[in-house]
C-alpha atoms as a PDB file:
ATOM      1  CA  UNK A   1       9.061  11.306   9.183  1.00  0.00           C
ATOM      2  CA  UNK A   2      10.244  14.743   7.894  1.00  0.00           C
ATOM      3  CA  UNK A   3      10.247  17.991   9.760  1.00  0.00           C
ATOM      4  CA  UNK A   4       6.957  19.236  11.104  1.00  0.00           C
ATOM      5  CA  UNK A   5       5.297  21.853   8.817  1.00  0.00           C
ATOM      6  CA  UNK A   6       5.020  25.128  10.392  1.00  0.00           C
ATOM      7  CA  UNK A   7       3.398  28.370   9.527  1.00  0.00           C
ATOM      8  CA  UNK A   8       2.038  29.525   5.910  1.00  0.00           C
ATOM      9  CA  UNK A   9       3.756  27.285   3.342  1.00  0.00           C
ATOM     10  CA  UNK A  10       3.164  27.187  -0.453  1.00  0.00           C
ATOM     11  CA  UNK A  11       1.747  23.773  -0.368  1.00  0.00           C
ATOM     12  CA  UNK A  12       0.511  21.344   2.265  1.00  0.00           C
ATOM     13  CA  UNK A  13       0.398  18.379  -0.603  1.00  0.00           C
ATOM     14  CA  UNK A  14       0.961  15.089   1.173  1.00  0.00           C
ATOM     15  CA  UNK A  15      -0.511  16.624   4.554  1.00  0.00           C
ATOM     16  CA  UNK A  16      -3.980  14.644   4.233  1.00  0.00           C
ATOM     17  CA  UNK A  17      -5.427  12.802   6.938  1.00  0.00           C
ATOM     18  CA  UNK A  18      -8.624  10.707   7.318  1.00  0.00           C
ATOM     19  CA  UNK A  19      -9.769   8.116   9.956  1.00  0.00           C
ATOM     20  CA  UNK A  20      -7.093   6.598  12.197  1.00  0.00           C
ATOM     21  CA  UNK A  21      -7.230   2.717  12.064  1.00  0.00           C
ATOM     22  CA  UNK A  22      -8.580   2.405  15.422  1.00  0.00           C
ATOM     23  CA  UNK A  23     -11.600   4.794  14.398  1.00  0.00           C
ATOM     24  CA  UNK A  24     -12.242   2.903  11.175  1.00  0.00           C
ATOM     25  CA  UNK A  25     -12.198  -0.292  12.972  1.00  0.00           C
ATOM     26  CA  UNK A  26     -14.745   1.027  15.588  1.00  0.00           C
ATOM     27  CA  UNK A  27     -17.216   1.969  12.824  1.00  0.00           C
ATOM     28  CA  UNK A  28     -17.030  -1.180  11.198  1.00  0.00           C
ATOM     29  CA  UNK A  29     -17.686  -2.917  14.244  1.00  0.00           C
ATOM     30  CA  UNK A  30     -20.368  -0.696  15.131  1.00  0.00           C
ATOM     31  CA  UNK A  31     -21.871  -0.747  11.632  1.00  0.00           C
ATOM     32  CA  UNK A  32     -21.612  -4.924  11.849  1.00  0.00           C
ATOM     33  CA  UNK A  33     -24.660  -7.098  12.153  1.00  0.00           C
ATOM     34  CA  UNK A  34     -25.317  -8.900  15.576  1.00  0.00           C
ATOM     35  CA  UNK A  35     -24.233  -7.830  18.956  1.00  0.00           C
ATOM     36  CA  UNK A  36     -21.253  -5.576  19.072  1.00  0.00           C
ATOM     37  CA  UNK A  37     -18.393  -6.279  21.304  1.00  0.00           C
ATOM     38  CA  UNK A  38     -19.346  -4.918  24.822  1.00  0.00           C
ATOM     39  CA  UNK A  39     -15.936  -3.948  25.598  1.00  0.00           C
ATOM     40  CA  UNK A  40     -15.588  -2.074  22.477  1.00  0.00           C
ATOM     41  CA  UNK A  41     -18.868  -0.393  23.080  1.00  0.00           C
ATOM     42  CA  UNK A  42     -17.878   0.530  26.610  1.00  0.00           C
ATOM     43  CA  UNK A  43     -15.164   2.820  25.277  1.00  0.00           C
ATOM     44  CA  UNK A  44     -17.362   5.394  24.222  1.00  0.00           C
ATOM     45  CA  UNK A  45     -18.040   5.910  27.897  1.00  0.00           C
ATOM     46  CA  UNK A  46     -15.000   4.985  29.594  1.00  0.00           C
ATOM     47  CA  UNK A  47     -13.421   7.786  31.260  1.00  0.00           C
ATOM     48  CA  UNK A  48     -10.023   7.152  30.266  1.00  0.00           C
ATOM     49  CA  UNK A  49     -10.743   6.531  26.852  1.00  0.00           C
ATOM     50  CA  UNK A  50     -12.745   9.481  26.666  1.00  0.00           C
ATOM     51  CA  UNK A  51      -9.740  11.491  28.393  1.00  0.00           C
ATOM     52  CA  UNK A  52      -7.399  10.265  25.574  1.00  0.00           C
ATOM     53  CA  UNK A  53      -9.859  10.963  22.771  1.00  0.00           C
ATOM     54  CA  UNK A  54     -10.414  14.357  24.082  1.00  0.00           C
ATOM     55  CA  UNK A  55      -6.588  14.881  24.365  1.00  0.00           C
ATOM     56  CA  UNK A  56      -5.976  13.833  20.815  1.00  0.00           C
ATOM     57  CA  UNK A  57      -8.867  16.068  19.694  1.00  0.00           C
ATOM     58  CA  UNK A  58      -7.238  18.902  21.507  1.00  0.00           C
ATOM     59  CA  UNK A  59      -3.901  18.214  19.748  1.00  0.00           C
ATOM     60  CA  UNK A  60      -5.912  18.142  16.426  1.00  0.00           C
ATOM     61  CA  UNK A  61      -7.346  21.221  17.020  1.00  0.00           C
ATOM     62  CA  UNK A  62      -4.390  23.187  18.071  1.00  0.00           C
ATOM     63  CA  UNK A  63      -2.731  21.863  14.491  1.00  0.00           C
ATOM     64  CA  UNK A  64      -5.569  22.112  12.289  1.00  0.00           C
ATOM     65  CA  UNK A  65      -8.717  23.343  13.960  1.00  0.00           C
ATOM     66  CA  UNK A  66     -11.183  22.734  11.126  1.00  0.00           C
ATOM     67  CA  UNK A  67      -9.394  19.766  10.053  1.00  0.00           C
ATOM     68  CA  UNK A  68      -8.754  21.045   6.540  1.00  0.00           C
ATOM     69  CA  UNK A  69      -6.232  18.212   5.953  1.00  0.00           C
ATOM     70  CA  UNK A  70      -8.568  15.491   6.740  1.00  0.00           C
ATOM     71  CA  UNK A  71      -9.724  15.253   3.143  1.00  0.00           C
ATOM     72  CA  UNK A  72      -6.848  17.444   1.517  1.00  0.00           C
ATOM     73  CA  UNK A  73      -5.329  14.510  -0.613  1.00  0.00           C
ATOM     74  CA  UNK A  74      -8.816  13.193  -1.625  1.00  0.00           C
ATOM     75  CA  UNK A  75     -10.146  16.499  -2.900  1.00  0.00           C
ATOM     76  CA  UNK A  76      -7.157  16.481  -4.915  1.00  0.00           C
ATOM     77  CA  UNK A  77      -7.523  13.288  -6.326  1.00  0.00           C
ATOM     78  CA  UNK A  78     -10.910  14.628  -7.790  1.00  0.00           C
ATOM     79  CA  UNK A  79      -9.770  17.366  -9.296  1.00  0.00           C
ATOM     80  CA  UNK A  80     -11.448  17.344 -13.301  1.00  0.00           C
ATOM     81  CA  UNK A  81     -13.897  14.657 -12.158  1.00  0.00           C
ATOM     82  CA  UNK A  82     -17.636  15.397 -12.267  1.00  0.00           C
ATOM     83  CA  UNK A  83     -19.541  15.440  -8.517  1.00  0.00           C
ATOM     84  CA  UNK A  84     -23.248  15.300  -8.556  1.00  0.00           C
ATOM     85  CA  UNK A  85     -23.441  15.757  -4.678  1.00  0.00           C
ATOM     86  CA  UNK A  86     -21.196  16.263  -1.646  1.00  0.00           C
ATOM     87  CA  UNK A  87     -22.191  15.025   1.576  1.00  0.00           C
ATOM     88  CA  UNK A  88     -20.869  17.575   4.509  1.00  0.00           C
ATOM     89  CA  UNK A  89     -21.385  16.462   8.181  1.00  0.00           C
ATOM     90  CA  UNK A  90     -20.054  15.120  11.349  1.00  0.00           C
ATOM     91  CA  UNK A  91     -19.663  11.308  12.467  1.00  0.00           C
ATOM     92  CA  UNK A  92     -23.439  10.760  11.492  1.00  0.00           C
ATOM     93  CA  UNK A  93     -22.385  11.631   7.898  1.00  0.00           C
ATOM     94  CA  UNK A  94     -18.775  10.046   7.916  1.00  0.00           C
ATOM     95  CA  UNK A  95     -20.005   6.515   9.372  1.00  0.00           C
ATOM     96  CA  UNK A  96     -22.638   6.379   6.380  1.00  0.00           C
ATOM     97  CA  UNK A  97     -19.871   5.672   4.394  1.00  0.00           C
ATOM     98  CA  UNK A  98     -19.028   2.663   6.476  1.00  0.00           C
ATOM     99  CA  UNK A  99     -22.692   1.520   6.435  1.00  0.00           C
ATOM    100  CA  UNK A 100     -23.524   1.967   2.969  1.00  0.00           C
ATOM    101  CA  UNK A 101     -20.263   2.391   0.626  1.00  0.00           C
ATOM    102  CA  UNK A 102     -22.396   1.927  -2.509  1.00  0.00           C
ATOM    103  CA  UNK A 103     -24.308   5.225  -1.650  1.00  0.00           C
ATOM    104  CA  UNK A 104     -20.903   7.023  -2.546  1.00  0.00           C
ATOM    105  CA  UNK A 105     -20.221   5.850  -6.164  1.00  0.00           C
ATOM    106  CA  UNK A 106     -17.658   8.252  -7.017  1.00  0.00           C
ATOM    107  CA  UNK A 107     -20.213  11.092  -8.173  1.00  0.00           C
ATOM    108  CA  UNK A 108     -21.354  11.143  -4.394  1.00  0.00           C
ATOM    109  CA  UNK A 109     -18.624  12.332  -2.203  1.00  0.00           C
ATOM    110  CA  UNK A 110     -18.548  11.844   1.817  1.00  0.00           C
ATOM    111  CA  UNK A 111     -16.999  14.825   3.413  1.00  0.00           C
ATOM    112  CA  UNK A 112     -18.008  13.988   6.961  1.00  0.00           C
ATOM    113  CA  UNK A 113     -15.639  14.155   9.946  1.00  0.00           C
ATOM    114  CA  UNK A 114     -16.437  12.902  13.610  1.00  0.00           C
ATOM    115  CA  UNK A 115     -16.850  15.287  16.058  1.00  0.00           C
ATOM    116  CA  UNK A 116     -17.302  18.338  13.847  1.00  0.00           C
ATOM    117  CA  UNK A 117     -19.387  21.504  14.688  1.00  0.00           C
ATOM    118  CA  UNK A 118     -21.220  23.638  12.083  1.00  0.00           C
ATOM    119  CA  UNK A 119     -18.251  26.308  12.177  1.00  0.00           C
ATOM    120  CA  UNK A 120     -15.628  24.081  11.671  1.00  0.00           C
ATOM    121  CA  UNK A 121     -17.554  22.756   8.666  1.00  0.00           C
ATOM    122  CA  UNK A 122     -18.043  26.210   7.557  1.00  0.00           C
ATOM    123  CA  UNK A 123     -14.239  26.834   7.422  1.00  0.00           C
ATOM    124  CA  UNK A 124     -14.022  23.322   5.169  1.00  0.00           C
ATOM    125  CA  UNK A 125     -16.874  24.671   2.970  1.00  0.00           C
ATOM    126  CA  UNK A 126     -14.727  25.870   0.196  1.00  0.00           C
ATOM    127  CA  UNK A 127     -12.254  23.217   0.009  1.00  0.00           C
ATOM    128  CA  UNK A 128     -14.437  20.239   0.584  1.00  0.00           C
ATOM    129  CA  UNK A 129     -17.564  21.295  -1.142  1.00  0.00           C
ATOM    130  CA  UNK A 130     -17.496  24.384  -3.593  1.00  0.00           C
ATOM    131  CA  UNK A 131     -13.940  23.244  -5.005  1.00  0.00           C
ATOM    132  CA  UNK A 132     -15.434  20.262  -6.049  1.00  0.00           C
ATOM    133  CA  UNK A 133     -17.998  21.888  -8.384  1.00  0.00           C
ATOM    134  CA  UNK A 134     -20.770  19.713  -7.165  1.00  0.00           C
ATOM    135  CA  UNK A 135     -24.274  19.971  -8.295  1.00  0.00           C
ATOM    136  CA  UNK A 136     -25.602  19.521  -4.952  1.00  0.00           C
ATOM    137  CA  UNK A 137     -24.663  19.393  -1.156  1.00  0.00           C
ATOM    138  CA  UNK A 138     -26.047  17.247   1.481  1.00  0.00           C
ATOM    139  CA  UNK A 139     -25.541  19.375   4.635  1.00  0.00           C
ATOM    140  CA  UNK A 140     -26.399  17.900   8.176  1.00  0.00           C
ATOM    141  CA  UNK A 141     -25.040  19.284  11.341  1.00  0.00           C
ATOM    142  CA  UNK A 142     -25.873  20.407  14.815  1.00  0.00           C
ATOM    143  CA  UNK A 143     -25.375  17.400  16.923  1.00  0.00           C
ATOM    144  CA  UNK A 144     -21.935  18.484  18.123  1.00  0.00           C
ATOM    145  CA  UNK A 145     -23.021  22.019  18.107  1.00  0.00           C
ATOM    146  CA  UNK A 146     -25.513  20.941  20.774  1.00  0.00           C
ATOM    147  CA  UNK A 147     -22.894  19.110  22.616  1.00  0.00           C
ATOM    148  CA  UNK A 148     -20.562  22.077  22.911  1.00  0.00           C
ATOM    149  CA  UNK A 149     -17.726  20.041  21.053  1.00  0.00           C
ATOM    150  CA  UNK A 150     -15.767  23.502  20.099  1.00  0.00           C
ATOM    151  CA  UNK A 151     -17.057  25.225  23.121  1.00  0.00           C
ATOM    152  CA  UNK A 152     -20.280  26.951  24.300  1.00  0.00           C
ATOM    153  CA  UNK A 153     -22.535  28.311  21.853  1.00  0.00           C
ATOM    154  CA  UNK A 154     -26.140  29.499  20.885  1.00  0.00           C
ATOM    155  CA  UNK A 155     -29.059  28.957  18.516  1.00  0.00           C
ATOM    156  CA  UNK A 156     -28.075  32.021  16.948  1.00  0.00           C
ATOM    157  CA  UNK A 157     -24.515  30.947  16.333  1.00  0.00           C
ATOM    158  CA  UNK A 158     -25.810  27.919  14.632  1.00  0.00           C
ATOM    159  CA  UNK A 159     -28.300  29.493  12.534  1.00  0.00           C
ATOM    160  CA  UNK A 160     -25.499  32.001  11.249  1.00  0.00           C
ATOM    161  CA  UNK A 161     -23.017  29.205  10.454  1.00  0.00           C
ATOM    162  CA  UNK A 162     -25.885  27.187   8.469  1.00  0.00           C
ATOM    163  CA  UNK A 163     -26.916  30.490   6.713  1.00  0.00           C
ATOM    164  CA  UNK A 164     -23.423  31.246   5.793  1.00  0.00           C
ATOM    165  CA  UNK A 165     -22.878  27.777   4.222  1.00  0.00           C
ATOM    166  CA  UNK A 166     -26.084  28.053   2.194  1.00  0.00           C
ATOM    167  CA  UNK A 167     -25.257  31.332   0.924  1.00  0.00           C
ATOM    168  CA  UNK A 168     -21.616  29.868  -0.245  1.00  0.00           C
ATOM    169  CA  UNK A 169     -23.603  26.785  -1.869  1.00  0.00           C
ATOM    170  CA  UNK A 170     -26.267  29.118  -3.784  1.00  0.00           C
ATOM    171  CA  UNK A 171     -23.682  31.883  -4.918  1.00  0.00           C
ATOM    172  CA  UNK A 172     -21.790  28.912  -6.582  1.00  0.00           C
ATOM    173  CA  UNK A 173     -24.696  27.549  -7.975  1.00  0.00           C
ATOM    174  CA  UNK A 174     -24.895  24.514  -5.919  1.00  0.00           C
ATOM    175  CA  UNK A 175     -28.249  23.023  -4.915  1.00  0.00           C
ATOM    176  CA  UNK A 176     -28.592  22.422  -1.007  1.00  0.00           C
ATOM    177  CA  UNK A 177     -30.101  19.527   0.683  1.00  0.00           C
ATOM    178  CA  UNK A 178     -30.735  20.631   4.139  1.00  0.00           C
ATOM    179  CA  UNK A 179     -30.925  17.655   6.552  1.00  0.00           C
ATOM    180  CA  UNK A 180     -32.893  17.472   9.859  1.00  0.00           C
ATOM    181  CA  UNK A 181     -30.631  17.050  13.202  1.00  0.00           C
ATOM    182  CA  UNK A 182     -31.058  13.311  13.746  1.00  0.00           C
ATOM    183  CA  UNK A 183     -33.046  12.566  16.920  1.00  0.00           C
ATOM    184  CA  UNK A 184     -30.839  11.231  20.001  1.00  0.00           C
ATOM    185  CA  UNK A 185     -31.194   9.893  23.391  1.00  0.00           C
ATOM    186  CA  UNK A 186     -28.602  11.805  25.373  1.00  0.00           C
ATOM    187  CA  UNK A 187     -25.126  12.764  24.672  1.00  0.00           C
ATOM    188  CA  UNK A 188     -22.815  10.276  26.390  1.00  0.00           C
ATOM    189  CA  UNK A 189     -19.699  12.380  25.715  1.00  0.00           C
ATOM    190  CA  UNK A 190     -21.136  15.390  27.056  1.00  0.00           C
ATOM    191  CA  UNK A 191     -23.671  14.379  29.818  1.00  0.00           C
ATOM    192  CA  UNK A 192     -23.402  17.930  31.347  1.00  0.00           C
ATOM    193  CA  UNK A 193     -25.671  19.039  28.517  1.00  0.00           C
ATOM    194  CA  UNK A 194     -29.063  19.314  29.848  1.00  0.00           C
ATOM    195  CA  UNK A 195     -32.216  18.279  27.608  1.00  0.00           C
ATOM    196  CA  UNK A 196     -30.355  17.869  24.379  1.00  0.00           C
ATOM    197  CA  UNK A 197     -33.558  16.628  22.525  1.00  0.00           C
ATOM    198  CA  UNK A 198     -35.366  20.077  23.238  1.00  0.00           C
ATOM    199  CA  UNK A 199     -32.379  21.728  21.392  1.00  0.00           C
ATOM    200  CA  UNK A 200     -32.795  19.118  18.621  1.00  0.00           C
ATOM    201  CA  UNK A 201     -36.530  20.106  18.521  1.00  0.00           C
ATOM    202  CA  UNK A 202     -35.445  23.843  18.510  1.00  0.00           C
ATOM    203  CA  UNK A 203     -33.044  23.412  15.564  1.00  0.00           C
ATOM    204  CA  UNK A 204     -35.309  21.382  13.249  1.00  0.00           C
ATOM    205  CA  UNK A 205     -37.917  23.687  13.928  1.00  0.00           C
ATOM    206  CA  UNK A 206     -35.866  26.618  12.628  1.00  0.00           C
ATOM    207  CA  UNK A 207     -34.234  24.314   9.752  1.00  0.00           C
ATOM    208  CA  UNK A 208     -37.894  23.125   8.252  1.00  0.00           C
ATOM    209  CA  UNK A 209     -38.774  26.780   8.087  1.00  0.00           C
ATOM    210  CA  UNK A 210     -35.460  28.025   6.766  1.00  0.00           C
ATOM    211  CA  UNK A 211     -35.900  25.240   4.066  1.00  0.00           C
ATOM    212  CA  UNK A 212     -38.854  26.476   3.044  1.00  0.00           C
ATOM    213  CA  UNK A 213     -38.124  30.020   3.158  1.00  0.00           C
ATOM    214  CA  UNK A 214     -35.140  29.828   1.030  1.00  0.00           C
ATOM    215  CA  UNK A 215     -36.552  27.017  -1.192  1.00  0.00           C
ATOM    216  CA  UNK A 216     -34.202  24.382  -0.372  1.00  0.00           C
ATOM    217  CA  UNK A 217     -34.744  20.639  -0.464  1.00  0.00           C
ATOM    218  CA  UNK A 218     -35.387  19.183   2.938  1.00  0.00           C
ATOM    219  CA  UNK A 219     -34.392  15.757   4.191  1.00  0.00           C
ATOM    220  CA  UNK A 220     -36.537  15.297   7.129  1.00  0.00           C
ATOM    221  CA  UNK A 221     -34.641  12.022   8.614  1.00  0.00           C
ATOM    222  CA  UNK A 222     -36.602  12.547  12.295  1.00  0.00           C
ATOM    223  CA  UNK A 223     -39.593  11.161  10.431  1.00  0.00           C
ATOM    224  CA  UNK A 224     -38.040   7.846   9.862  1.00  0.00           C
ATOM    225  CA  UNK A 225     -35.618   7.685  12.803  1.00  0.00           C
ATOM    226  CA  UNK A 226     -37.987   9.146  15.655  1.00  0.00           C
ATOM    227  CA  UNK A 227     -39.087   6.545  18.345  1.00  0.00           C
ATOM    228  CA  UNK A 228     -42.358   8.683  18.229  1.00  0.00           C
ATOM    229  CA  UNK A 229     -41.411  10.776  21.285  1.00  0.00           C
ATOM    230  CA  UNK A 230     -38.004  12.731  21.375  1.00  0.00           C
ATOM    231  CA  UNK A 231     -35.387  10.202  20.986  1.00  0.00           C
ATOM    232  CA  UNK A 232     -34.113   7.795  18.323  1.00  0.00           C
ATOM    233  CA  UNK A 233     -35.638   4.250  17.786  1.00  0.00           C
ATOM    234  CA  UNK A 234     -33.715   1.715  20.151  1.00  0.00           C
ATOM    235  CA  UNK A 235     -33.215  -0.707  17.107  1.00  0.00           C
ATOM    236  CA  UNK A 236     -31.441   1.942  15.126  1.00  0.00           C
ATOM    237  CA  UNK A 237     -28.787   2.750  17.398  1.00  0.00           C
ATOM    238  CA  UNK A 238     -26.026   1.257  19.838  1.00  0.00           C
ATOM    239  CA  UNK A 239     -25.311   4.438  21.610  1.00  0.00           C
ATOM    240  CA  UNK A 240     -28.370   6.893  21.561  1.00  0.00           C
ATOM    241  CA  UNK A 241     -26.789   9.073  18.909  1.00  0.00           C
ATOM    242  CA  UNK A 242     -25.476   7.556  15.829  1.00  0.00           C
ATOM    243  CA  UNK A 243     -27.517   5.381  13.786  1.00  0.00           C
ATOM    244  CA  UNK A 244     -26.599   1.723  12.928  1.00  0.00           C
ATOM    245  CA  UNK A 245     -26.971  -0.233   9.585  1.00  0.00           C
ATOM    246  CA  UNK A 246     -30.583  -0.410  10.321  1.00  0.00           C
ATOM    247  CA  UNK A 247     -30.779   3.364  10.853  1.00  0.00           C
ATOM    248  CA  UNK A 248     -29.117   4.347   7.886  1.00  0.00           C
ATOM    249  CA  UNK A 249     -31.316   1.545   5.520  1.00  0.00           C
ATOM    250  CA  UNK A 250     -34.245   3.960   6.914  1.00  0.00           C
ATOM    251  CA  UNK A 251     -32.485   6.984   6.003  1.00  0.00           C
ATOM    252  CA  UNK A 252     -31.582   6.110   2.436  1.00  0.00           C
ATOM    253  CA  UNK A 253     -34.948   6.304   0.813  1.00  0.00           C
ATOM    254  CA  UNK A 254     -35.174   9.864   2.308  1.00  0.00           C
ATOM    255  CA  UNK A 255     -31.661  10.832   0.788  1.00  0.00           C
ATOM    256  CA  UNK A 256     -32.537   9.424  -2.540  1.00  0.00           C
ATOM    257  CA  UNK A 257     -35.544  11.362  -2.711  1.00  0.00           C
ATOM    258  CA  UNK A 258     -33.913  14.455  -1.348  1.00  0.00           C
ATOM    259  CA  UNK A 259     -31.010  14.127  -4.004  1.00  0.00           C
ATOM    260  CA  UNK A 260     -33.471  13.578  -7.060  1.00  0.00           C
ATOM    261  CA  UNK A 261     -35.211  16.606  -6.283  1.00  0.00           C
ATOM    262  CA  UNK A 262     -32.259  18.677  -5.643  1.00  0.00           C
ATOM    263  CA  UNK A 263     -30.359  17.254  -9.079  1.00  0.00           C
ATOM    264  CA  UNK A 264     -33.756  17.675 -10.857  1.00  0.00           C
ATOM    265  CA  UNK A 265     -33.578  21.477  -9.944  1.00  0.00           C
ATOM    266  CA  UNK A 266     -30.439  21.815 -11.730  1.00  0.00           C
END
């Protein structure tokens, strides 16, 4: 490999990223039918594996905090192509592409990155959404804000970053689909966070009201994913946070209806 890129340069062509082979293999196993390899699933909460993931994430954040390079090459390949909707989000969005690749047909573009918080998405919003000139954006975030993946934060901080992304979209003629924070049964990678389900309810209450106030399309995934209490239906998840194939199948009609409404507004 060549010398590492340092400082501001004229071009970062060829500095794209994407999921590691290990992350991709895990996501594919997570979405597969039947029982998942118990040893593979245990890696989610194994202290040594968790420490290694955190080390790699810390290195990545030091190099590229918002992971602007993750989709750099993929974005360049879309120049001049018509895009209907960009899905912006975290791992729940990114893994949707593994669960239902046919949903992302070229005119529907997935720009989810595992582990990301809303401020990281805000930094990515121009190159990963606006620059693609989509007709609509599907925005789902909040799970990792609650977990504190990029440090302590507040509901006000979340509201500000979501508002900023919505304002950027509207100013550029992009319709907004504002998604619920999906229900969860806990945060296995951030167990010190107390009562994350209450935070989900708090953020979703604001998201619903904000969507109504700004006349945005609302995608209420909690209605199809919730176990009727505060959590995610057990049959829809392996780890209590991420939907499996069944969860995404339940989400698909909600997404399709929201996309149809958003595109019909243009």
